[in-house]
Amino acid sequence: MANSPWSHSRSSALSDDVDFEIKGQELQFVEIELDPGESAVAEAGAMVWKDSSIDMTTVFGDGSADQGGGFMGKLLGAGKRLVTGESLFTTVFTHRGSGKARVSFAAPVPGAILPIKLDEVGGRLICQKDAFLCAARGVSIGIHFQQRIMTGLFGGEGFIMQKLEGDGWVFVQMGGTVIERELRHGEELHVDTGCVAAFQPSVEFDVVRAGSVKSMIFGGEGVFFARLRGPGKVWIQSLPFSRLAGRMLAAAGSTGGQSRGEGSLLGSLGNLIDGD
């Protein structure tokens, strides 16, 4: 595969390592290259194309190798996926032939596909509910509960987020352009509540008030900011899907539904003031 910042060639010393390349700009897809016997797991409906030697099997739950416990274990894993907004089922793609074979997956919204090697970020990643796209088989998808009531109510992600665990490659989908920041111990970053895409568990995530009462009412940035406090890495997206959907609903007029994205407290009047 081509040698670029968005590609990777597997290491023969790692059994769960896979080759991949991310292609495109605003509407990206990831192309994964499998050796014989290797597997990738993806969200149902994410596949774009595959070589004929790759078998496709739909499984109950996240398809991870450590999802034991028989039917009850699989049911619990599937239930976790359902709570985080994903399908009960995932699809496992396994190369059954010889040589190399490829399969590709695309994100359903404009933005970026971010490749993350979980063992390089401590084996665990906390991300927005619908972030998971695909992974090397063995990555498990669980639930991360927000402990603070205020963070769950006003943090932009609700009380439940996705928790991705393992040591292999995982590919997460994020809206718009994505930047990575590494926060030092005690360093704080204030982010729009909808723009927090992912962070390491060592990062403290809560909310702070967005300035004065005047700023909260007329500023158009909402009532709270998300406060991320290091140490650890955070990933920030420039265009959360809720904001894009809100703009589309606003453009459709009153028959298009209700805007539920970020904005001021004044609703439609606030949109008029903001120039919308």
C-alpha atoms as a PDB file:
ATOM      1  CA  MET A   1       0.000   0.000   0.000  1.00  0.00           C
ATOM      2  CA  ALA A   2       1.051   3.594  -0.479  1.00  0.00           C
ATOM      3  CA  ASN A   3       3.326   5.105   2.154  1.00  0.00           C
ATOM      4  CA  SER A   4       1.446   8.128   3.569  1.00  0.00           C
ATOM      5  CA  PRO A   5       0.536   9.567   6.993  1.00  0.00           C
ATOM      6  CA  TRP A   6      -2.806   7.781   6.651  1.00  0.00           C
ATOM      7  CA  SER A   7      -1.439   4.326   5.891  1.00  0.00           C
ATOM      8  CA  HIS A   8       0.241   1.554   7.853  1.00  0.00           C
ATOM      9  CA  SER A   9       2.100  -1.658   7.061  1.00  0.00           C
ATOM     10  CA  ARG A  10       1.696  -4.503   9.517  1.00  0.00           C
ATOM     11  CA  SER A  11       4.431  -5.790  11.788  1.00  0.00           C
ATOM     12  CA  SER A  12       5.043  -9.537  11.542  1.00  0.00           C
ATOM     13  CA  ALA A  13       5.610  -9.591  15.320  1.00  0.00           C
ATOM     14  CA  LEU A  14       2.006  -8.543  16.028  1.00  0.00           C
ATOM     15  CA  SER A  15      -0.701 -11.085  15.245  1.00  0.00           C
ATOM     16  CA  ASP A  16      -3.537  -8.534  15.348  1.00  0.00           C
ATOM     17  CA  ASP A  17      -1.777  -5.932  13.208  1.00  0.00           C
ATOM     18  CA  VAL A  18      -3.333  -5.045   9.832  1.00  0.00           C
ATOM     19  CA  ASP A  19      -2.342  -3.006   6.823  1.00  0.00           C
ATOM     20  CA  PHE A  20      -4.600  -0.085   5.981  1.00  0.00           C
ATOM     21  CA  GLU A  21      -4.873   3.116   4.003  1.00  0.00           C
ATOM     22  CA  ILE A  22      -7.372   5.944   4.440  1.00  0.00           C
ATOM     23  CA  LYS A  23      -8.414   7.561   1.175  1.00  0.00           C
ATOM     24  CA  GLY A  24     -10.302  10.724   0.328  1.00  0.00           C
ATOM     25  CA  GLN A  25     -10.583  14.103   1.972  1.00  0.00           C
ATOM     26  CA  GLU A  26     -14.042  15.152   3.245  1.00  0.00           C
ATOM     27  CA  LEU A  27     -15.782  11.856   2.408  1.00  0.00           C
ATOM     28  CA  GLN A  28     -13.233   9.266   3.454  1.00  0.00           C
ATOM     29  CA  PHE A  29     -13.082   5.492   3.426  1.00  0.00           C
ATOM     30  CA  VAL A  30     -10.557   3.106   4.928  1.00  0.00           C
ATOM     31  CA  GLU A  31      -9.107   0.234   2.942  1.00  0.00           C
ATOM     32  CA  ILE A  32      -7.859  -2.674   5.069  1.00  0.00           C
ATOM     33  CA  GLU A  33      -5.515  -5.336   3.694  1.00  0.00           C
ATOM     34  CA  LEU A  34      -5.804  -8.785   5.288  1.00  0.00           C
ATOM     35  CA  ASP A  35      -3.443 -11.729   5.285  1.00  0.00           C
ATOM     36  CA  PRO A  36      -4.906 -15.262   5.166  1.00  0.00           C
ATOM     37  CA  GLY A  37      -6.858 -15.920   8.363  1.00  0.00           C
ATOM     38  CA  GLU A  38      -6.942 -12.268   9.464  1.00  0.00           C
ATOM     39  CA  SER A  39     -10.270 -10.619  10.254  1.00  0.00           C
ATOM     40  CA  ALA A  40     -11.734  -7.155  10.537  1.00  0.00           C
ATOM     41  CA  VAL A  41     -15.004  -6.269  12.246  1.00  0.00           C
ATOM     42  CA  ALA A  42     -17.241  -3.375  11.174  1.00  0.00           C
ATOM     43  CA  GLU A  43     -20.573  -1.736  11.756  1.00  0.00           C
ATOM     44  CA  ALA A  44     -23.413  -3.307   9.776  1.00  0.00           C
ATOM     45  CA  GLY A  45     -23.781  -1.493   6.453  1.00  0.00           C
ATOM     46  CA  ALA A  46     -20.346   0.181   6.528  1.00  0.00           C
ATOM     47  CA  MET A  47     -18.729  -1.933   3.779  1.00  0.00           C
ATOM     48  CA  VAL A  48     -18.014  -0.343   0.400  1.00  0.00           C
ATOM     49  CA  TRP A  49     -16.367  -3.269  -1.421  1.00  0.00           C
ATOM     50  CA  LYS A  50     -14.339  -6.422  -0.749  1.00  0.00           C
ATOM     51  CA  ASP A  51     -12.306  -9.032  -2.598  1.00  0.00           C
ATOM     52  CA  SER A  52     -14.149 -12.284  -3.279  1.00  0.00           C
ATOM     53  CA  SER A  53     -11.828 -14.326  -1.046  1.00  0.00           C
ATOM     54  CA  ILE A  54     -13.051 -12.442   2.035  1.00  0.00           C
ATOM     55  CA  ASP A  55     -15.969 -14.127   3.795  1.00  0.00           C
ATOM     56  CA  MET A  56     -18.600 -11.944   5.444  1.00  0.00           C
ATOM     57  CA  THR A  57     -20.324 -13.171   8.610  1.00  0.00           C
ATOM     58  CA  THR A  58     -22.875 -11.300  10.728  1.00  0.00           C
ATOM     59  CA  VAL A  59     -22.429 -11.876  14.465  1.00  0.00           C
ATOM     60  CA  PHE A  60     -24.389 -10.960  17.578  1.00  0.00           C
ATOM     61  CA  GLY A  61     -22.521  -8.332  19.601  1.00  0.00           C
ATOM     62  CA  ASP A  62     -19.158  -6.753  18.830  1.00  0.00           C
ATOM     63  CA  GLY A  63     -17.400  -9.836  17.430  1.00  0.00           C
ATOM     64  CA  SER A  64     -14.487  -9.561  19.849  1.00  0.00           C
ATOM     65  CA  ALA A  65     -12.565 -12.708  20.629  1.00  0.00           C
ATOM     66  CA  ASP A  66     -12.966 -12.232  24.398  1.00  0.00           C
ATOM     67  CA  GLN A  67     -16.756 -12.024  24.309  1.00  0.00           C
ATOM     68  CA  GLY A  68     -17.242 -15.251  26.226  1.00  0.00           C
ATOM     69  CA  GLY A  69     -19.977 -16.561  28.439  1.00  0.00           C
ATOM     70  CA  GLY A  70     -21.996 -18.268  25.714  1.00  0.00           C
ATOM     71  CA  PHE A  71     -25.300 -16.761  24.709  1.00  0.00           C
ATOM     72  CA  MET A  72     -25.591 -14.549  27.802  1.00  0.00           C
ATOM     73  CA  GLY A  73     -22.153 -13.059  27.183  1.00  0.00           C
ATOM     74  CA  LYS A  74     -23.071 -12.280  23.600  1.00  0.00           C
ATOM     75  CA  LEU A  75     -26.417 -10.852  24.692  1.00  0.00           C
ATOM     76  CA  LEU A  76     -24.683  -8.569  27.192  1.00  0.00           C
ATOM     77  CA  GLY A  77     -22.217  -7.398  24.540  1.00  0.00           C
ATOM     78  CA  ALA A  78     -25.025  -6.714  22.074  1.00  0.00           C
ATOM     79  CA  GLY A  79     -26.966  -4.855  24.753  1.00  0.00           C
ATOM     80  CA  LYS A  80     -24.007  -2.572  25.379  1.00  0.00           C
ATOM     81  CA  ARG A  81     -23.852  -1.762  21.663  1.00  0.00           C
ATOM     82  CA  LEU A  82     -27.580  -1.027  21.587  1.00  0.00           C
ATOM     83  CA  VAL A  83     -27.298   1.383  24.526  1.00  0.00           C
ATOM     84  CA  THR A  84     -24.515   3.301  22.757  1.00  0.00           C
ATOM     85  CA  GLY A  85     -26.656   3.777  19.650  1.00  0.00           C
ATOM     86  CA  GLU A  86     -25.156   1.014  17.511  1.00  0.00           C
ATOM     87  CA  SER A  87     -26.765  -2.015  15.901  1.00  0.00           C
ATOM     88  CA  LEU A  88     -27.169  -5.294  17.790  1.00  0.00           C
ATOM     89  CA  PHE A  89     -25.048  -6.939  15.101  1.00  0.00           C
ATOM     90  CA  THR A  90     -21.610  -6.427  13.610  1.00  0.00           C
ATOM     91  CA  THR A  91     -20.095  -7.940  10.502  1.00  0.00           C
ATOM     92  CA  VAL A  92     -16.835  -9.918  10.568  1.00  0.00           C
ATOM     93  CA  PHE A  93     -14.749 -10.042   7.378  1.00  0.00           C
ATOM     94  CA  THR A  94     -12.215 -12.913   7.248  1.00  0.00           C
ATOM     95  CA  HIS A  95      -9.703 -13.621   4.485  1.00  0.00           C
ATOM     96  CA  ARG A  96     -10.123 -17.315   3.547  1.00  0.00           C
ATOM     97  CA  GLY A  97      -7.888 -17.394   0.482  1.00  0.00           C
ATOM     98  CA  SER A  98      -4.174 -16.984  -0.184  1.00  0.00           C
ATOM     99  CA  GLY A  99      -2.044 -13.891  -0.649  1.00  0.00           C
ATOM    100  CA  LYS A 100      -3.460 -10.486   0.169  1.00  0.00           C
ATOM    101  CA  ALA A 101      -7.097  -9.392   0.076  1.00  0.00           C
ATOM    102  CA  ARG A 102      -8.739  -6.040   0.741  1.00  0.00           C
ATOM    103  CA  VAL A 103     -11.986  -4.733   2.169  1.00  0.00           C
ATOM    104  CA  SER A 104     -13.045  -1.107   2.544  1.00  0.00           C
ATOM    105  CA  PHE A 105     -15.428   0.753   4.855  1.00  0.00           C
ATOM    106  CA  ALA A 106     -16.867   4.261   4.638  1.00  0.00           C
ATOM    107  CA  ALA A 107     -18.147   6.700   7.238  1.00  0.00           C
ATOM    108  CA  PRO A 108     -21.831   7.689   6.877  1.00  0.00           C
ATOM    109  CA  VAL A 109     -21.246  11.425   7.421  1.00  0.00           C
ATOM    110  CA  PRO A 110     -18.745  13.999   6.083  1.00  0.00           C
ATOM    111  CA  GLY A 111     -15.621  14.147   8.167  1.00  0.00           C
ATOM    112  CA  ALA A 112     -12.526  12.157   8.985  1.00  0.00           C
ATOM    113  CA  ILE A 113     -11.718   8.548   9.784  1.00  0.00           C
ATOM    114  CA  LEU A 114      -9.107   8.437  12.519  1.00  0.00           C
ATOM    115  CA  PRO A 115      -6.890   5.340  12.952  1.00  0.00           C
ATOM    116  CA  ILE A 116      -5.877   4.685  16.556  1.00  0.00           C
ATOM    117  CA  LYS A 117      -3.672   1.839  17.838  1.00  0.00           C
ATOM    118  CA  LEU A 118      -5.233   1.129  21.207  1.00  0.00           C
ATOM    119  CA  ASP A 119      -2.091  -0.227  22.858  1.00  0.00           C
ATOM    120  CA  GLU A 120      -0.462   3.157  22.142  1.00  0.00           C
ATOM    121  CA  VAL A 121      -3.134   5.019  24.131  1.00  0.00           C
ATOM    122  CA  GLY A 122      -3.255   2.691  27.128  1.00  0.00           C
ATOM    123  CA  GLY A 123      -5.558   0.056  25.668  1.00  0.00           C
ATOM    124  CA  ARG A 124      -8.749   2.063  26.144  1.00  0.00           C
ATOM    125  CA  LEU A 125     -10.454   4.981  24.386  1.00  0.00           C
ATOM    126  CA  ILE A 126     -13.558   6.956  25.381  1.00  0.00           C
ATOM    127  CA  CYS A 127     -15.445   8.434  22.428  1.00  0.00           C
ATOM    128  CA  GLN A 128     -18.808   9.746  21.280  1.00  0.00           C
ATOM    129  CA  LYS A 129     -21.610   7.201  21.033  1.00  0.00           C
ATOM    130  CA  ASP A 130     -21.558   6.613  17.266  1.00  0.00           C
ATOM    131  CA  ALA A 131     -17.805   6.904  16.697  1.00  0.00           C
ATOM    132  CA  PHE A 132     -16.918   3.258  16.008  1.00  0.00           C
ATOM    133  CA  LEU A 133     -16.624   2.343  12.308  1.00  0.00           C
ATOM    134  CA  CYS A 134     -14.409  -0.764  12.109  1.00  0.00           C
ATOM    135  CA  ALA A 135     -11.419  -2.438  13.742  1.00  0.00           C
ATOM    136  CA  ALA A 136      -9.073  -5.376  13.702  1.00  0.00           C
ATOM    137  CA  ARG A 137     -10.953  -8.274  15.285  1.00  0.00           C
ATOM    138  CA  GLY A 138     -10.454  -8.437  19.045  1.00  0.00           C
ATOM    139  CA  VAL A 139     -11.404  -4.846  19.867  1.00  0.00           C
ATOM    140  CA  SER A 140     -14.389  -4.781  22.233  1.00  0.00           C
ATOM    141  CA  ILE A 141     -17.061  -2.084  22.370  1.00  0.00           C
ATOM    142  CA  GLY A 142     -18.421  -1.219  25.791  1.00  0.00           C
ATOM    143  CA  ILE A 143     -20.137   1.542  27.736  1.00  0.00           C
ATOM    144  CA  HIS A 144     -18.621   4.492  29.560  1.00  0.00           C
ATOM    145  CA  PHE A 145     -21.016   6.155  32.027  1.00  0.00           C
ATOM    146  CA  GLN A 146     -20.633   9.808  32.926  1.00  0.00           C
ATOM    147  CA  GLN A 147     -20.424   9.937  36.723  1.00  0.00           C
ATOM    148  CA  ARG A 148     -21.253  13.638  37.072  1.00  0.00           C
ATOM    149  CA  ILE A 149     -24.906  14.617  36.641  1.00  0.00           C
ATOM    150  CA  MET A 150     -24.114  18.050  35.179  1.00  0.00           C
ATOM    151  CA  THR A 151     -21.700  16.545  32.658  1.00  0.00           C
ATOM    152  CA  GLY A 152     -24.260  13.966  31.585  1.00  0.00           C
ATOM    153  CA  LEU A 153     -26.993  16.589  31.185  1.00  0.00           C
ATOM    154  CA  PHE A 154     -24.994  19.372  29.517  1.00  0.00           C
ATOM    155  CA  GLY A 155     -21.771  17.770  28.270  1.00  0.00           C
ATOM    156  CA  GLY A 156     -23.083  17.242  24.737  1.00  0.00           C
ATOM    157  CA  GLU A 157     -22.638  13.450  24.783  1.00  0.00           C
ATOM    158  CA  GLY A 158     -25.243  12.461  27.387  1.00  0.00           C
ATOM    159  CA  PHE A 159     -24.611  10.021  30.215  1.00  0.00           C
ATOM    160  CA  ILE A 160     -23.432   7.178  27.960  1.00  0.00           C
ATOM    161  CA  MET A 161     -20.384   7.152  25.688  1.00  0.00           C
ATOM    162  CA  GLN A 162     -18.541   4.383  23.852  1.00  0.00           C
ATOM    163  CA  LYS A 163     -15.581   2.611  25.416  1.00  0.00           C
ATOM    164  CA  LEU A 164     -13.231   0.848  22.982  1.00  0.00           C
ATOM    165  CA  GLU A 165     -10.780  -1.633  24.515  1.00  0.00           C
ATOM    166  CA  GLY A 166      -8.034  -3.858  23.126  1.00  0.00           C
ATOM    167  CA  ASP A 167      -4.552  -3.638  21.667  1.00  0.00           C
ATOM    168  CA  GLY A 168      -5.226  -3.483  17.928  1.00  0.00           C
ATOM    169  CA  TRP A 169      -6.194  -0.877  15.355  1.00  0.00           C
ATOM    170  CA  VAL A 170      -9.589   0.796  15.646  1.00  0.00           C
ATOM    171  CA  PHE A 171     -11.047   3.270  13.153  1.00  0.00           C
ATOM    172  CA  VAL A 172     -13.373   5.938  14.518  1.00  0.00           C
ATOM    173  CA  GLN A 173     -15.456   8.411  12.511  1.00  0.00           C
ATOM    174  CA  MET A 174     -15.539  12.081  13.453  1.00  0.00           C
ATOM    175  CA  GLY A 175     -17.176  15.132  11.899  1.00  0.00           C
ATOM    176  CA  GLY A 176     -15.326  17.773   9.911  1.00  0.00           C
ATOM    177  CA  THR A 177     -11.623  18.237  10.581  1.00  0.00           C
ATOM    178  CA  VAL A 178     -10.056  16.482  13.576  1.00  0.00           C
ATOM    179  CA  ILE A 179      -7.162  17.700  15.682  1.00  0.00           C
ATOM    180  CA  GLU A 180      -5.272  15.877  18.413  1.00  0.00           C
ATOM    181  CA  ARG A 181      -4.104  17.635  21.563  1.00  0.00           C
ATOM    182  CA  GLU A 182      -1.976  16.147  24.327  1.00  0.00           C
ATOM    183  CA  LEU A 183      -2.676  17.845  27.629  1.00  0.00           C
ATOM    184  CA  ARG A 184      -0.084  18.030  30.370  1.00  0.00           C
ATOM    185  CA  HIS A 185      -0.981  17.238  33.967  1.00  0.00           C
ATOM    186  CA  GLY A 186      -3.460  19.882  35.164  1.00  0.00           C
ATOM    187  CA  GLU A 187      -3.670  21.600  31.760  1.00  0.00           C
ATOM    188  CA  GLU A 188      -7.235  22.557  30.803  1.00  0.00           C
ATOM    189  CA  LEU A 189      -8.941  22.972  27.458  1.00  0.00           C
ATOM    190  CA  HIS A 190     -12.429  24.434  26.977  1.00  0.00           C
ATOM    191  CA  VAL A 191     -14.300  22.935  24.026  1.00  0.00           C
ATOM    192  CA  ASP A 192     -17.781  23.350  22.590  1.00  0.00           C
ATOM    193  CA  THR A 193     -19.797  20.501  24.099  1.00  0.00           C
ATOM    194  CA  GLY A 194     -20.557  18.901  20.732  1.00  0.00           C
ATOM    195  CA  CYS A 195     -16.963  18.984  19.505  1.00  0.00           C
ATOM    196  CA  VAL A 196     -15.473  16.493  21.994  1.00  0.00           C
ATOM    197  CA  ALA A 197     -14.871  13.420  19.823  1.00  0.00           C
ATOM    198  CA  ALA A 198     -12.646  11.177  21.973  1.00  0.00           C
ATOM    199  CA  PHE A 199     -10.221  11.207  24.887  1.00  0.00           C
ATOM    200  CA  GLN A 200      -8.084   8.908  26.996  1.00  0.00           C
ATOM    201  CA  PRO A 201      -9.547   7.726  30.325  1.00  0.00           C
ATOM    202  CA  SER A 202      -6.848   9.675  32.176  1.00  0.00           C
ATOM    203  CA  VAL A 203      -8.430  12.932  30.954  1.00  0.00           C
ATOM    204  CA  GLU A 204     -11.005  14.462  33.292  1.00  0.00           C
ATOM    205  CA  PHE A 205     -14.179  15.520  31.451  1.00  0.00           C
ATOM    206  CA  ASP A 206     -16.713  17.887  33.014  1.00  0.00           C
ATOM    207  CA  VAL A 207     -18.525  21.136  32.180  1.00  0.00           C
ATOM    208  CA  VAL A 208     -18.030  24.800  33.096  1.00  0.00           C
ATOM    209  CA  ARG A 209     -20.337  27.770  32.621  1.00  0.00           C
ATOM    210  CA  ALA A 210     -19.874  29.668  29.367  1.00  0.00           C
ATOM    211  CA  GLY A 211     -19.103  33.117  30.755  1.00  0.00           C
ATOM    212  CA  SER A 212     -21.652  35.639  31.960  1.00  0.00           C
ATOM    213  CA  VAL A 213     -25.445  35.416  31.725  1.00  0.00           C
ATOM    214  CA  LYS A 214     -25.328  37.778  28.730  1.00  0.00           C
ATOM    215  CA  SER A 215     -22.858  35.492  26.950  1.00  0.00           C
ATOM    216  CA  MET A 216     -24.983  32.423  27.685  1.00  0.00           C
ATOM    217  CA  ILE A 217     -28.158  34.048  26.304  1.00  0.00           C
ATOM    218  CA  PHE A 218     -26.808  35.964  23.313  1.00  0.00           C
ATOM    219  CA  GLY A 219     -23.448  34.341  22.589  1.00  0.00           C
ATOM    220  CA  GLY A 220     -24.839  31.430  20.599  1.00  0.00           C
ATOM    221  CA  GLU A 221     -22.340  29.013  22.187  1.00  0.00           C
ATOM    222  CA  GLY A 222     -24.709  27.382  24.648  1.00  0.00           C
ATOM    223  CA  VAL A 223     -24.775  27.515  28.431  1.00  0.00           C
ATOM    224  CA  PHE A 224     -21.744  25.313  29.143  1.00  0.00           C
ATOM    225  CA  PHE A 225     -18.346  24.444  27.740  1.00  0.00           C
ATOM    226  CA  ALA A 226     -16.780  21.014  28.049  1.00  0.00           C
ATOM    227  CA  ARG A 227     -13.687  21.199  30.241  1.00  0.00           C
ATOM    228  CA  LEU A 228     -10.956  18.674  29.506  1.00  0.00           C
ATOM    229  CA  ARG A 229      -8.173  18.446  32.076  1.00  0.00           C
ATOM    230  CA  GLY A 230      -4.965  16.492  31.503  1.00  0.00           C
ATOM    231  CA  PRO A 231      -2.929  14.445  31.481  1.00  0.00           C
ATOM    232  CA  GLY A 232      -3.755  12.621  28.274  1.00  0.00           C
ATOM    233  CA  LYS A 233      -4.720  12.926  24.627  1.00  0.00           C
ATOM    234  CA  VAL A 234      -7.975  14.403  23.363  1.00  0.00           C
ATOM    235  CA  TRP A 235      -9.438  14.495  19.855  1.00  0.00           C
ATOM    236  CA  ILE A 236     -11.631  17.423  18.806  1.00  0.00           C
ATOM    237  CA  GLN A 237     -13.955  17.521  15.780  1.00  0.00           C
ATOM    238  CA  SER A 238     -14.838  20.745  13.993  1.00  0.00           C
ATOM    239  CA  LEU A 239     -18.302  19.681  12.766  1.00  0.00           C
ATOM    240  CA  PRO A 240     -20.362  17.456  15.075  1.00  0.00           C
ATOM    241  CA  PHE A 241     -23.217  15.789  13.250  1.00  0.00           C
ATOM    242  CA  SER A 242     -25.779  17.390  15.600  1.00  0.00           C
ATOM    243  CA  ARG A 243     -24.667  20.827  14.411  1.00  0.00           C
ATOM    244  CA  LEU A 244     -24.863  19.817  10.750  1.00  0.00           C
ATOM    245  CA  ALA A 245     -28.319  18.311  11.281  1.00  0.00           C
ATOM    246  CA  GLY A 246     -29.468  21.438  13.117  1.00  0.00           C
ATOM    247  CA  ARG A 247     -28.398  23.633  10.209  1.00  0.00           C
ATOM    248  CA  MET A 248     -30.202  21.387   7.750  1.00  0.00           C
ATOM    249  CA  LEU A 249     -33.391  21.466   9.828  1.00  0.00           C
ATOM    250  CA  ALA A 250     -33.181  25.250  10.179  1.00  0.00           C
ATOM    251  CA  ALA A 251     -32.743  25.630   6.416  1.00  0.00           C
ATOM    252  CA  ALA A 252     -35.783  23.408   5.827  1.00  0.00           C
ATOM    253  CA  GLY A 253     -37.998  25.821   7.755  1.00  0.00           C
ATOM    254  CA  SER A 254     -40.656  25.174  10.350  1.00  0.00           C
ATOM    255  CA  THR A 255     -41.888  22.032   8.575  1.00  0.00           C
ATOM    256  CA  GLY A 256     -38.461  20.463   8.829  1.00  0.00           C
ATOM    257  CA  GLY A 257     -38.632  19.760  12.542  1.00  0.00           C
ATOM    258  CA  GLN A 258     -37.025  21.076  15.663  1.00  0.00           C
ATOM    259  CA  SER A 259     -33.387  22.119  15.949  1.00  0.00           C
ATOM    260  CA  ARG A 260     -31.681  20.254  18.778  1.00  0.00           C
ATOM    261  CA  GLY A 261     -28.090  21.309  18.164  1.00  0.00           C
ATOM    262  CA  GLU A 262     -25.963  23.885  19.909  1.00  0.00           C
ATOM    263  CA  GLY A 263     -27.104  27.518  20.095  1.00  0.00           C
ATOM    264  CA  SER A 264     -28.419  30.253  22.329  1.00  0.00           C
ATOM    265  CA  LEU A 265     -31.237  29.968  24.854  1.00  0.00           C
ATOM    266  CA  LEU A 266     -33.613  32.061  22.762  1.00  0.00           C
ATOM    267  CA  GLY A 267     -34.403  29.361  20.203  1.00  0.00           C
ATOM    268  CA  SER A 268     -35.774  30.821  16.955  1.00  0.00           C
ATOM    269  CA  LEU A 269     -35.321  34.383  18.208  1.00  0.00           C
ATOM    270  CA  GLY A 270     -31.721  33.564  18.989  1.00  0.00           C
ATOM    271  CA  ASN A 271     -31.265  32.234  15.453  1.00  0.00           C
ATOM    272  CA  LEU A 272     -32.573  35.515  14.083  1.00  0.00           C
ATOM    273  CA  ILE A 273     -30.169  37.447  16.260  1.00  0.00           C
ATOM    274  CA  ASP A 274     -27.324  35.170  15.190  1.00  0.00           C
ATOM    275  CA  GLY A 275     -28.086  35.868  11.531  1.00  0.00           C
ATOM    276  CA  ASP A 276     -29.656  32.497  10.735  1.00  0.00           C
END
